[in-house]
N, C-alpha and C. Protein backbone atom coordinates (compact mmCIF):
# COMPACT_ATOMS: atom_id res chain seq x y z
N MET A 1 -11.42 -1.07 -9.99
CA MET A 1 -11.31 -0.26 -8.81
C MET A 1 -10.78 -1.08 -7.63
N ASN A 2 -11.23 -2.33 -7.51
CA ASN A 2 -10.71 -3.18 -6.44
C ASN A 2 -9.21 -3.39 -6.57
N ASN A 3 -8.73 -3.53 -7.83
CA ASN A 3 -7.30 -3.71 -8.04
C ASN A 3 -6.51 -2.52 -7.53
N LEU A 4 -7.06 -1.30 -7.73
CA LEU A 4 -6.37 -0.12 -7.23
C LEU A 4 -6.34 -0.11 -5.70
N ARG A 5 -7.42 -0.53 -5.09
CA ARG A 5 -7.44 -0.60 -3.62
C ARG A 5 -6.41 -1.61 -3.13
N ILE A 6 -6.34 -2.76 -3.79
CA ILE A 6 -5.35 -3.78 -3.42
C ILE A 6 -3.95 -3.21 -3.59
N LEU A 7 -3.72 -2.51 -4.71
CA LEU A 7 -2.41 -1.91 -4.95
C LEU A 7 -2.03 -0.97 -3.82
N PHE A 8 -2.94 -0.11 -3.44
CA PHE A 8 -2.59 0.85 -2.39
C PHE A 8 -2.52 0.20 -1.02
N PHE A 9 -3.27 -0.87 -0.80
CA PHE A 9 -3.09 -1.61 0.44
C PHE A 9 -1.67 -2.16 0.50
N LEU A 10 -1.22 -2.69 -0.64
CA LEU A 10 0.14 -3.23 -0.70
C LEU A 10 1.16 -2.13 -0.44
N LEU A 11 0.96 -1.02 -1.10
CA LEU A 11 1.92 0.06 -1.00
C LEU A 11 2.00 0.63 0.42
N VAL A 12 0.87 0.81 1.05
CA VAL A 12 0.90 1.40 2.38
C VAL A 12 1.28 0.40 3.45
N SER A 13 1.31 -0.87 3.12
CA SER A 13 1.77 -1.87 4.06
C SER A 13 3.29 -1.85 4.23
N MET A 14 3.95 -1.15 3.31
CA MET A 14 5.41 -1.10 3.35
C MET A 14 5.89 -0.22 4.51
N GLN A 15 7.11 -0.46 4.91
CA GLN A 15 7.76 0.40 5.89
C GLN A 15 8.27 1.62 5.15
N ILE A 16 7.64 2.81 5.40
CA ILE A 16 8.05 3.99 4.65
C ILE A 16 8.39 5.14 5.56
N CYS A 17 9.19 5.99 5.05
CA CYS A 17 9.41 7.33 5.58
C CYS A 17 9.84 7.38 7.04
N LYS A 18 10.37 6.33 7.61
CA LYS A 18 10.67 6.32 9.04
C LYS A 18 11.59 7.46 9.46
N ALA A 19 12.55 7.77 8.63
CA ALA A 19 13.52 8.79 9.02
C ALA A 19 12.91 10.19 8.99
N GLN A 20 11.87 10.41 8.22
CA GLN A 20 11.35 11.75 8.05
C GLN A 20 9.97 11.96 8.65
N LEU A 21 9.28 10.93 8.99
CA LEU A 21 7.94 11.04 9.55
C LEU A 21 7.86 10.26 10.85
N SER A 22 7.08 10.79 11.78
CA SER A 22 6.88 10.10 13.05
C SER A 22 5.97 8.89 12.84
N PRO A 23 5.95 7.97 13.80
CA PRO A 23 5.05 6.81 13.67
C PRO A 23 3.59 7.23 13.48
N LYS A 24 3.16 8.28 14.17
CA LYS A 24 1.78 8.75 14.01
C LYS A 24 1.55 9.26 12.59
N GLU A 25 2.52 10.01 12.06
CA GLU A 25 2.41 10.52 10.70
C GLU A 25 2.38 9.38 9.68
N ILE A 26 3.17 8.36 9.92
CA ILE A 26 3.17 7.19 9.03
C ILE A 26 1.81 6.52 9.03
N SER A 27 1.23 6.38 10.21
CA SER A 27 -0.09 5.76 10.33
C SER A 27 -1.14 6.57 9.57
N VAL A 28 -1.11 7.88 9.73
CA VAL A 28 -2.05 8.75 9.02
C VAL A 28 -1.83 8.65 7.51
N LEU A 29 -0.56 8.64 7.10
CA LEU A 29 -0.24 8.53 5.68
C LEU A 29 -0.78 7.24 5.08
N LYS A 30 -0.61 6.13 5.79
CA LYS A 30 -1.12 4.85 5.29
C LYS A 30 -2.63 4.90 5.08
N THR A 31 -3.33 5.45 6.05
CA THR A 31 -4.79 5.57 5.94
C THR A 31 -5.17 6.49 4.79
N ASP A 32 -4.47 7.61 4.69
CA ASP A 32 -4.79 8.58 3.65
C ASP A 32 -4.51 8.04 2.25
N LEU A 33 -3.45 7.26 2.09
CA LEU A 33 -3.14 6.71 0.77
C LEU A 33 -4.23 5.76 0.29
N ILE A 34 -4.78 4.98 1.18
CA ILE A 34 -5.87 4.09 0.80
C ILE A 34 -7.09 4.90 0.36
N LYS A 35 -7.39 5.94 1.13
CA LYS A 35 -8.54 6.79 0.79
C LYS A 35 -8.30 7.61 -0.47
N ALA A 36 -7.04 7.93 -0.75
CA ALA A 36 -6.71 8.77 -1.91
C ALA A 36 -7.09 8.11 -3.23
N VAL A 37 -7.20 6.80 -3.25
CA VAL A 37 -7.60 6.11 -4.47
C VAL A 37 -8.95 6.64 -4.95
N GLU A 38 -9.81 7.01 -4.03
CA GLU A 38 -11.15 7.48 -4.38
C GLU A 38 -11.34 8.97 -4.19
N SER A 39 -10.31 9.69 -3.77
CA SER A 39 -10.47 11.12 -3.46
C SER A 39 -9.37 11.96 -4.09
N SER A 40 -9.76 12.80 -5.03
CA SER A 40 -8.75 13.67 -5.65
C SER A 40 -8.25 14.72 -4.67
N LYS A 41 -9.12 15.20 -3.79
CA LYS A 41 -8.69 16.19 -2.79
C LYS A 41 -7.63 15.60 -1.88
N LEU A 42 -7.87 14.40 -1.41
CA LEU A 42 -6.90 13.75 -0.53
C LEU A 42 -5.62 13.43 -1.29
N THR A 43 -5.73 12.99 -2.52
CA THR A 43 -4.54 12.75 -3.34
C THR A 43 -3.69 14.00 -3.39
N ASP A 44 -4.33 15.14 -3.67
CA ASP A 44 -3.59 16.40 -3.77
C ASP A 44 -2.95 16.80 -2.43
N SER A 45 -3.69 16.64 -1.34
CA SER A 45 -3.14 17.07 -0.04
C SER A 45 -1.99 16.17 0.42
N VAL A 46 -2.11 14.86 0.21
CA VAL A 46 -1.02 13.95 0.60
C VAL A 46 0.20 14.21 -0.29
N TYR A 47 -0.05 14.43 -1.57
CA TYR A 47 1.05 14.73 -2.50
C TYR A 47 1.78 16.01 -2.06
N THR A 48 1.02 17.04 -1.74
CA THR A 48 1.62 18.31 -1.30
C THR A 48 2.46 18.10 -0.05
N LYS A 49 1.93 17.34 0.90
CA LYS A 49 2.67 17.09 2.15
C LYS A 49 3.98 16.35 1.87
N LEU A 50 3.91 15.28 1.08
CA LEU A 50 5.13 14.51 0.80
C LEU A 50 6.12 15.32 -0.03
N ASN A 51 5.61 16.10 -0.95
CA ASN A 51 6.48 16.87 -1.82
C ASN A 51 7.25 17.95 -1.06
N LYS A 52 6.73 18.38 0.08
CA LYS A 52 7.40 19.41 0.89
C LYS A 52 8.53 18.84 1.74
N LEU A 53 8.58 17.53 1.88
CA LEU A 53 9.63 16.94 2.72
C LEU A 53 11.01 17.20 2.12
N PRO A 54 11.94 17.61 2.96
CA PRO A 54 13.30 17.83 2.45
C PRO A 54 14.03 16.49 2.32
N ASN A 55 15.00 16.46 1.45
CA ASN A 55 15.86 15.27 1.29
C ASN A 55 15.05 13.99 1.16
N LYS A 56 14.17 13.96 0.19
CA LYS A 56 13.31 12.80 0.01
C LYS A 56 14.14 11.55 -0.26
N THR A 57 13.77 10.48 0.40
CA THR A 57 14.37 9.18 0.12
C THR A 57 13.82 8.67 -1.20
N ALA A 58 14.40 7.62 -1.70
CA ALA A 58 13.91 7.01 -2.94
C ALA A 58 12.46 6.55 -2.76
N LEU A 59 12.16 5.99 -1.60
CA LEU A 59 10.80 5.49 -1.37
C LEU A 59 9.78 6.63 -1.31
N ILE A 60 10.13 7.74 -0.67
CA ILE A 60 9.22 8.89 -0.62
C ILE A 60 9.03 9.44 -2.04
N THR A 61 10.10 9.50 -2.80
CA THR A 61 10.01 9.94 -4.19
C THR A 61 9.06 9.03 -4.97
N ALA A 62 9.16 7.74 -4.74
CA ALA A 62 8.27 6.79 -5.43
C ALA A 62 6.81 6.99 -5.00
N TYR A 63 6.59 7.29 -3.74
CA TYR A 63 5.22 7.58 -3.30
C TYR A 63 4.69 8.83 -3.98
N CYS A 64 5.53 9.83 -4.16
CA CYS A 64 5.10 11.02 -4.90
C CYS A 64 4.72 10.64 -6.33
N GLY A 65 5.51 9.77 -6.95
CA GLY A 65 5.20 9.30 -8.29
C GLY A 65 3.89 8.53 -8.34
N THR A 66 3.64 7.75 -7.33
CA THR A 66 2.38 7.00 -7.26
C THR A 66 1.20 7.96 -7.12
N LEU A 67 1.38 8.98 -6.31
CA LEU A 67 0.30 9.97 -6.15
C LEU A 67 0.09 10.77 -7.43
N GLU A 68 1.15 11.01 -8.18
CA GLU A 68 0.99 11.66 -9.48
C GLU A 68 0.18 10.78 -10.42
N ALA A 69 0.38 9.49 -10.36
CA ALA A 69 -0.43 8.56 -11.15
C ALA A 69 -1.90 8.63 -10.72
N LEU A 70 -2.11 8.77 -9.43
CA LEU A 70 -3.49 8.93 -8.94
C LEU A 70 -4.11 10.22 -9.45
N LYS A 71 -3.30 11.26 -9.58
CA LYS A 71 -3.82 12.51 -10.14
C LYS A 71 -4.34 12.26 -11.55
N ALA A 72 -3.64 11.42 -12.30
CA ALA A 72 -4.11 11.06 -13.64
C ALA A 72 -5.44 10.34 -13.56
N LYS A 73 -5.56 9.42 -12.63
CA LYS A 73 -6.80 8.67 -12.46
C LYS A 73 -7.96 9.61 -12.16
N HIS A 74 -7.72 10.61 -11.32
CA HIS A 74 -8.79 11.50 -10.89
C HIS A 74 -9.13 12.59 -11.91
N SER A 75 -8.25 12.84 -12.84
CA SER A 75 -8.48 13.91 -13.81
C SER A 75 -9.52 13.47 -14.84
N TRP A 76 -10.39 14.37 -15.23
CA TRP A 76 -11.37 14.07 -16.27
C TRP A 76 -10.84 14.46 -17.65
N ASN A 77 -9.85 15.35 -17.68
CA ASN A 77 -9.31 15.87 -18.92
C ASN A 77 -8.25 14.92 -19.49
N PRO A 78 -8.44 14.40 -20.71
CA PRO A 78 -7.48 13.46 -21.29
C PRO A 78 -6.05 14.02 -21.38
N TYR A 79 -5.93 15.30 -21.69
CA TYR A 79 -4.60 15.92 -21.75
C TYR A 79 -3.92 15.84 -20.38
N ASN A 80 -4.65 16.20 -19.33
CA ASN A 80 -4.08 16.16 -17.97
C ASN A 80 -3.77 14.74 -17.54
N LYS A 81 -4.61 13.79 -17.93
CA LYS A 81 -4.33 12.39 -17.60
C LYS A 81 -2.97 11.97 -18.15
N ILE A 82 -2.73 12.27 -19.41
CA ILE A 82 -1.47 11.91 -20.05
C ILE A 82 -0.31 12.67 -19.40
N LYS A 83 -0.52 13.95 -19.14
CA LYS A 83 0.52 14.77 -18.50
C LYS A 83 0.92 14.18 -17.15
N TYR A 84 -0.06 13.82 -16.33
CA TYR A 84 0.24 13.28 -15.00
C TYR A 84 0.93 11.91 -15.08
N VAL A 85 0.54 11.10 -16.05
CA VAL A 85 1.20 9.80 -16.20
C VAL A 85 2.66 10.01 -16.58
N LYS A 86 2.91 10.93 -17.50
CA LYS A 86 4.30 11.23 -17.90
C LYS A 86 5.12 11.70 -16.70
N VAL A 87 4.55 12.63 -15.93
CA VAL A 87 5.25 13.16 -14.75
C VAL A 87 5.48 12.03 -13.75
N SER A 88 4.47 11.21 -13.55
CA SER A 88 4.57 10.09 -12.62
C SER A 88 5.71 9.16 -13.00
N LEU A 89 5.79 8.82 -14.26
CA LEU A 89 6.82 7.88 -14.69
C LEU A 89 8.22 8.49 -14.62
N ARG A 90 8.33 9.80 -14.84
CA ARG A 90 9.63 10.46 -14.64
C ARG A 90 10.03 10.42 -13.17
N THR A 91 9.07 10.67 -12.30
CA THR A 91 9.34 10.62 -10.86
C THR A 91 9.74 9.21 -10.44
N MET A 92 9.03 8.21 -10.96
CA MET A 92 9.37 6.83 -10.62
C MET A 92 10.77 6.48 -11.10
N GLN A 93 11.16 6.97 -12.29
CA GLN A 93 12.51 6.72 -12.78
C GLN A 93 13.54 7.37 -11.86
N LYS A 94 13.23 8.56 -11.38
CA LYS A 94 14.13 9.23 -10.44
C LYS A 94 14.30 8.39 -9.18
N ALA A 95 13.20 7.86 -8.67
CA ALA A 95 13.26 7.01 -7.47
C ALA A 95 14.09 5.76 -7.73
N ILE A 96 13.91 5.15 -8.89
CA ILE A 96 14.67 3.95 -9.22
C ILE A 96 16.15 4.28 -9.39
N ASP A 97 16.44 5.43 -9.98
CA ASP A 97 17.84 5.85 -10.11
C ASP A 97 18.49 6.04 -8.74
N MET A 98 17.68 6.43 -7.75
CA MET A 98 18.19 6.63 -6.39
C MET A 98 18.43 5.29 -5.67
N ASP A 99 17.62 4.28 -6.03
CA ASP A 99 17.71 2.97 -5.37
C ASP A 99 17.28 1.89 -6.35
N LYS A 100 18.19 1.49 -7.21
CA LYS A 100 17.89 0.53 -8.28
C LYS A 100 17.47 -0.85 -7.77
N GLU A 101 17.87 -1.20 -6.57
CA GLU A 101 17.61 -2.53 -6.04
C GLU A 101 16.37 -2.62 -5.15
N ASN A 102 15.58 -1.58 -5.07
CA ASN A 102 14.43 -1.56 -4.18
C ASN A 102 13.23 -2.22 -4.87
N MET A 103 12.86 -3.40 -4.39
CA MET A 103 11.75 -4.14 -4.98
C MET A 103 10.44 -3.37 -4.86
N GLU A 104 10.24 -2.67 -3.76
CA GLU A 104 8.99 -1.95 -3.54
C GLU A 104 8.80 -0.86 -4.58
N ILE A 105 9.87 -0.15 -4.89
CA ILE A 105 9.78 0.92 -5.88
C ILE A 105 9.53 0.32 -7.27
N ARG A 106 10.24 -0.76 -7.58
CA ARG A 106 10.00 -1.43 -8.87
C ARG A 106 8.55 -1.88 -8.98
N PHE A 107 8.01 -2.39 -7.88
CA PHE A 107 6.62 -2.84 -7.88
C PHE A 107 5.66 -1.67 -8.10
N MET A 108 5.94 -0.53 -7.48
CA MET A 108 5.06 0.63 -7.68
C MET A 108 5.03 1.02 -9.16
N ARG A 109 6.22 1.09 -9.78
CA ARG A 109 6.24 1.46 -11.19
C ARG A 109 5.56 0.40 -12.04
N PHE A 110 5.82 -0.87 -11.74
CA PHE A 110 5.16 -1.96 -12.46
C PHE A 110 3.64 -1.79 -12.38
N SER A 111 3.13 -1.49 -11.20
CA SER A 111 1.69 -1.35 -11.00
C SER A 111 1.12 -0.19 -11.80
N ILE A 112 1.82 0.93 -11.80
CA ILE A 112 1.36 2.09 -12.56
C ILE A 112 1.32 1.75 -14.05
N GLU A 113 2.39 1.17 -14.55
CA GLU A 113 2.44 0.84 -15.97
C GLU A 113 1.44 -0.25 -16.33
N HIS A 114 1.20 -1.17 -15.41
CA HIS A 114 0.22 -2.24 -15.64
C HIS A 114 -1.17 -1.66 -15.87
N TYR A 115 -1.52 -0.64 -15.09
CA TYR A 115 -2.86 -0.05 -15.19
C TYR A 115 -2.96 1.04 -16.25
N THR A 116 -1.86 1.41 -16.87
CA THR A 116 -1.89 2.42 -17.92
C THR A 116 -2.17 1.71 -19.24
N PRO A 117 -3.15 2.20 -20.00
CA PRO A 117 -3.46 1.54 -21.29
C PRO A 117 -2.22 1.42 -22.17
N GLY A 118 -1.98 0.23 -22.67
CA GLY A 118 -0.79 -0.05 -23.45
C GLY A 118 -0.64 0.81 -24.70
N PHE A 119 -1.77 1.18 -25.33
CA PHE A 119 -1.69 1.95 -26.57
C PHE A 119 -1.07 3.33 -26.37
N LEU A 120 -0.97 3.79 -25.12
CA LEU A 120 -0.35 5.10 -24.86
C LEU A 120 1.17 5.04 -24.93
N GLY A 121 1.72 3.84 -24.86
CA GLY A 121 3.16 3.69 -24.98
C GLY A 121 3.94 3.99 -23.71
N PHE A 122 3.27 3.98 -22.57
CA PHE A 122 3.93 4.30 -21.31
C PHE A 122 4.31 3.06 -20.49
N SER A 123 4.19 1.90 -21.09
CA SER A 123 4.42 0.67 -20.33
C SER A 123 5.72 -0.02 -20.73
N LYS A 124 6.70 0.75 -21.11
CA LYS A 124 7.95 0.20 -21.63
C LYS A 124 8.81 -0.49 -20.57
N ASP A 125 8.61 -0.16 -19.31
CA ASP A 125 9.45 -0.72 -18.25
C ASP A 125 8.87 -1.97 -17.60
N LEU A 126 7.70 -2.40 -18.05
CA LEU A 126 7.08 -3.59 -17.45
C LEU A 126 8.01 -4.80 -17.47
N PRO A 127 8.63 -5.13 -18.60
CA PRO A 127 9.49 -6.34 -18.61
C PRO A 127 10.69 -6.23 -17.66
N VAL A 128 11.36 -5.09 -17.65
CA VAL A 128 12.54 -4.96 -16.79
C VAL A 128 12.14 -4.95 -15.32
N ASP A 129 11.03 -4.30 -14.98
CA ASP A 129 10.59 -4.30 -13.58
C ASP A 129 10.12 -5.70 -13.17
N ARG A 130 9.43 -6.38 -14.06
CA ARG A 130 9.00 -7.75 -13.75
C ARG A 130 10.20 -8.63 -13.45
N LYS A 131 11.21 -8.55 -14.29
CA LYS A 131 12.42 -9.37 -14.09
C LYS A 131 13.13 -9.00 -12.79
N GLU A 132 13.17 -7.72 -12.48
CA GLU A 132 13.82 -7.27 -11.24
C GLU A 132 13.05 -7.78 -10.02
N ILE A 133 11.73 -7.71 -10.07
CA ILE A 133 10.90 -8.20 -8.96
C ILE A 133 11.10 -9.71 -8.80
N ILE A 134 11.07 -10.44 -9.89
CA ILE A 134 11.27 -11.89 -9.84
C ILE A 134 12.64 -12.21 -9.26
N LYS A 135 13.64 -11.45 -9.63
CA LYS A 135 15.00 -11.65 -9.11
C LYS A 135 15.01 -11.56 -7.58
N HIS A 136 14.25 -10.61 -7.04
CA HIS A 136 14.17 -10.47 -5.58
C HIS A 136 13.54 -11.71 -4.95
N TYR A 137 12.55 -12.27 -5.60
CA TYR A 137 11.92 -13.49 -5.08
C TYR A 137 12.86 -14.68 -5.20
N GLU A 138 13.57 -14.77 -6.30
CA GLU A 138 14.53 -15.87 -6.46
C GLU A 138 15.62 -15.82 -5.38
N ASN A 139 16.07 -14.61 -5.08
CA ASN A 139 17.15 -14.43 -4.10
C ASN A 139 16.66 -14.22 -2.67
N ARG A 140 15.34 -14.21 -2.52
CA ARG A 140 14.73 -13.94 -1.20
C ARG A 140 15.30 -12.66 -0.60
N ASN A 141 15.41 -11.65 -1.44
CA ASN A 141 15.94 -10.36 -1.05
C ASN A 141 14.79 -9.35 -1.04
N PHE A 142 14.18 -9.16 0.13
CA PHE A 142 12.98 -8.34 0.23
C PHE A 142 13.19 -7.03 0.99
N GLY A 143 14.40 -6.73 1.38
CA GLY A 143 14.64 -5.49 2.10
C GLY A 143 13.81 -5.42 3.35
N LEU A 144 13.10 -4.31 3.54
CA LEU A 144 12.28 -4.09 4.73
C LEU A 144 10.84 -4.58 4.57
N ALA A 145 10.53 -5.16 3.43
CA ALA A 145 9.16 -5.60 3.19
C ALA A 145 8.77 -6.70 4.18
N ASP A 146 7.56 -6.57 4.72
CA ASP A 146 7.09 -7.58 5.66
C ASP A 146 6.46 -8.76 4.90
N GLU A 147 6.13 -9.81 5.64
CA GLU A 147 5.62 -11.04 5.04
C GLU A 147 4.33 -10.81 4.25
N GLU A 148 3.45 -9.98 4.79
CA GLU A 148 2.18 -9.72 4.10
C GLU A 148 2.42 -9.03 2.76
N LEU A 149 3.31 -8.07 2.73
CA LEU A 149 3.63 -7.38 1.48
C LEU A 149 4.22 -8.35 0.47
N ILE A 150 5.12 -9.19 0.92
CA ILE A 150 5.76 -10.17 0.03
C ILE A 150 4.70 -11.07 -0.61
N LYS A 151 3.75 -11.53 0.18
CA LYS A 151 2.66 -12.36 -0.35
C LYS A 151 1.78 -11.59 -1.32
N ASN A 152 1.44 -10.36 -0.95
CA ASN A 152 0.54 -9.58 -1.79
C ASN A 152 1.17 -9.19 -3.13
N VAL A 153 2.44 -8.86 -3.11
CA VAL A 153 3.13 -8.55 -4.38
C VAL A 153 3.16 -9.79 -5.26
N ALA A 154 3.47 -10.94 -4.67
CA ALA A 154 3.50 -12.19 -5.44
C ALA A 154 2.14 -12.45 -6.07
N ARG A 155 1.07 -12.29 -5.30
CA ARG A 155 -0.28 -12.50 -5.84
C ARG A 155 -0.60 -11.53 -6.96
N PHE A 156 -0.23 -10.25 -6.75
CA PHE A 156 -0.48 -9.24 -7.77
C PHE A 156 0.25 -9.60 -9.06
N MET A 157 1.50 -10.00 -8.93
CA MET A 157 2.29 -10.34 -10.11
C MET A 157 1.68 -11.53 -10.85
N ILE A 158 1.23 -12.52 -10.13
CA ILE A 158 0.59 -13.68 -10.75
C ILE A 158 -0.70 -13.25 -11.44
N ASP A 159 -1.51 -12.48 -10.73
CA ASP A 159 -2.80 -12.03 -11.27
C ASP A 159 -2.65 -11.07 -12.45
N SER A 160 -1.50 -10.42 -12.56
CA SER A 160 -1.29 -9.47 -13.64
C SER A 160 -1.27 -10.14 -15.02
N LYS A 161 -1.04 -11.45 -15.02
CA LYS A 161 -0.94 -12.21 -16.27
C LYS A 161 0.22 -11.73 -17.14
N ARG A 162 1.23 -11.16 -16.53
CA ARG A 162 2.39 -10.66 -17.26
C ARG A 162 3.64 -11.51 -16.99
N CYS A 163 3.49 -12.58 -16.23
CA CYS A 163 4.64 -13.41 -15.86
C CYS A 163 4.64 -14.71 -16.66
N THR A 164 5.83 -15.23 -16.87
CA THR A 164 5.97 -16.52 -17.54
C THR A 164 5.57 -17.63 -16.58
N SER A 165 5.40 -18.84 -17.09
CA SER A 165 5.04 -19.97 -16.23
C SER A 165 6.16 -20.25 -15.21
N GLU A 166 7.41 -20.08 -15.61
CA GLU A 166 8.53 -20.28 -14.67
C GLU A 166 8.51 -19.23 -13.56
N GLU A 167 8.22 -17.98 -13.93
CA GLU A 167 8.14 -16.91 -12.93
C GLU A 167 6.98 -17.15 -11.97
N ILE A 168 5.89 -17.63 -12.50
CA ILE A 168 4.72 -17.93 -11.66
C ILE A 168 5.07 -19.01 -10.63
N LYS A 169 5.84 -20.00 -11.04
CA LYS A 169 6.26 -21.06 -10.10
C LYS A 169 7.06 -20.46 -8.94
N ILE A 170 7.93 -19.54 -9.24
CA ILE A 170 8.73 -18.87 -8.20
C ILE A 170 7.81 -18.08 -7.28
N LEU A 171 6.91 -17.32 -7.85
CA LEU A 171 6.01 -16.45 -7.07
C LEU A 171 5.05 -17.27 -6.21
N LYS A 172 4.59 -18.40 -6.70
CA LYS A 172 3.62 -19.21 -5.96
C LYS A 172 4.18 -19.71 -4.64
N LYS A 173 5.49 -19.81 -4.52
CA LYS A 173 6.11 -20.22 -3.26
C LYS A 173 5.85 -19.20 -2.15
N PHE A 174 5.48 -17.99 -2.55
CA PHE A 174 5.32 -16.90 -1.58
C PHE A 174 3.89 -16.40 -1.48
N SER A 175 3.02 -16.83 -2.37
CA SER A 175 1.65 -16.29 -2.38
C SER A 175 0.71 -17.03 -1.45
């Protein structure tokens, strides 16, 4: 559960939705996303709000995908859990197709797949997302990500135990 809170702290620390949401709305969204980890009602309401936005950016689309993954977490029904994970991963792929070079979106999908049990077969993109994230660290190409996010993603990647020793050396420069 702490890992999920850390994940959402990382995610909401990002610069999101500036073109479509006011600064006050962004602040509320950040707070709500952290709380949504523990609240299915809040997950549903934030998802509904974001889903109604016209002309979603890749990042907003990725947030919708992340919230769909949270719907899986909150569901008690195994069928619904699997359904929401499938929908989430399709949404994340759509976001990546919109912005293939966005480290934040890659990290969101990596995090979802990391926490999804491997036996379900939904973690196929972990290696490609890991390599893409590492590439951003090698090239110091972080887009709009702030210093705290850069450090937190590096720590998460190291702690995930999914990186090679060479990748860990790169990440440790930023953690």
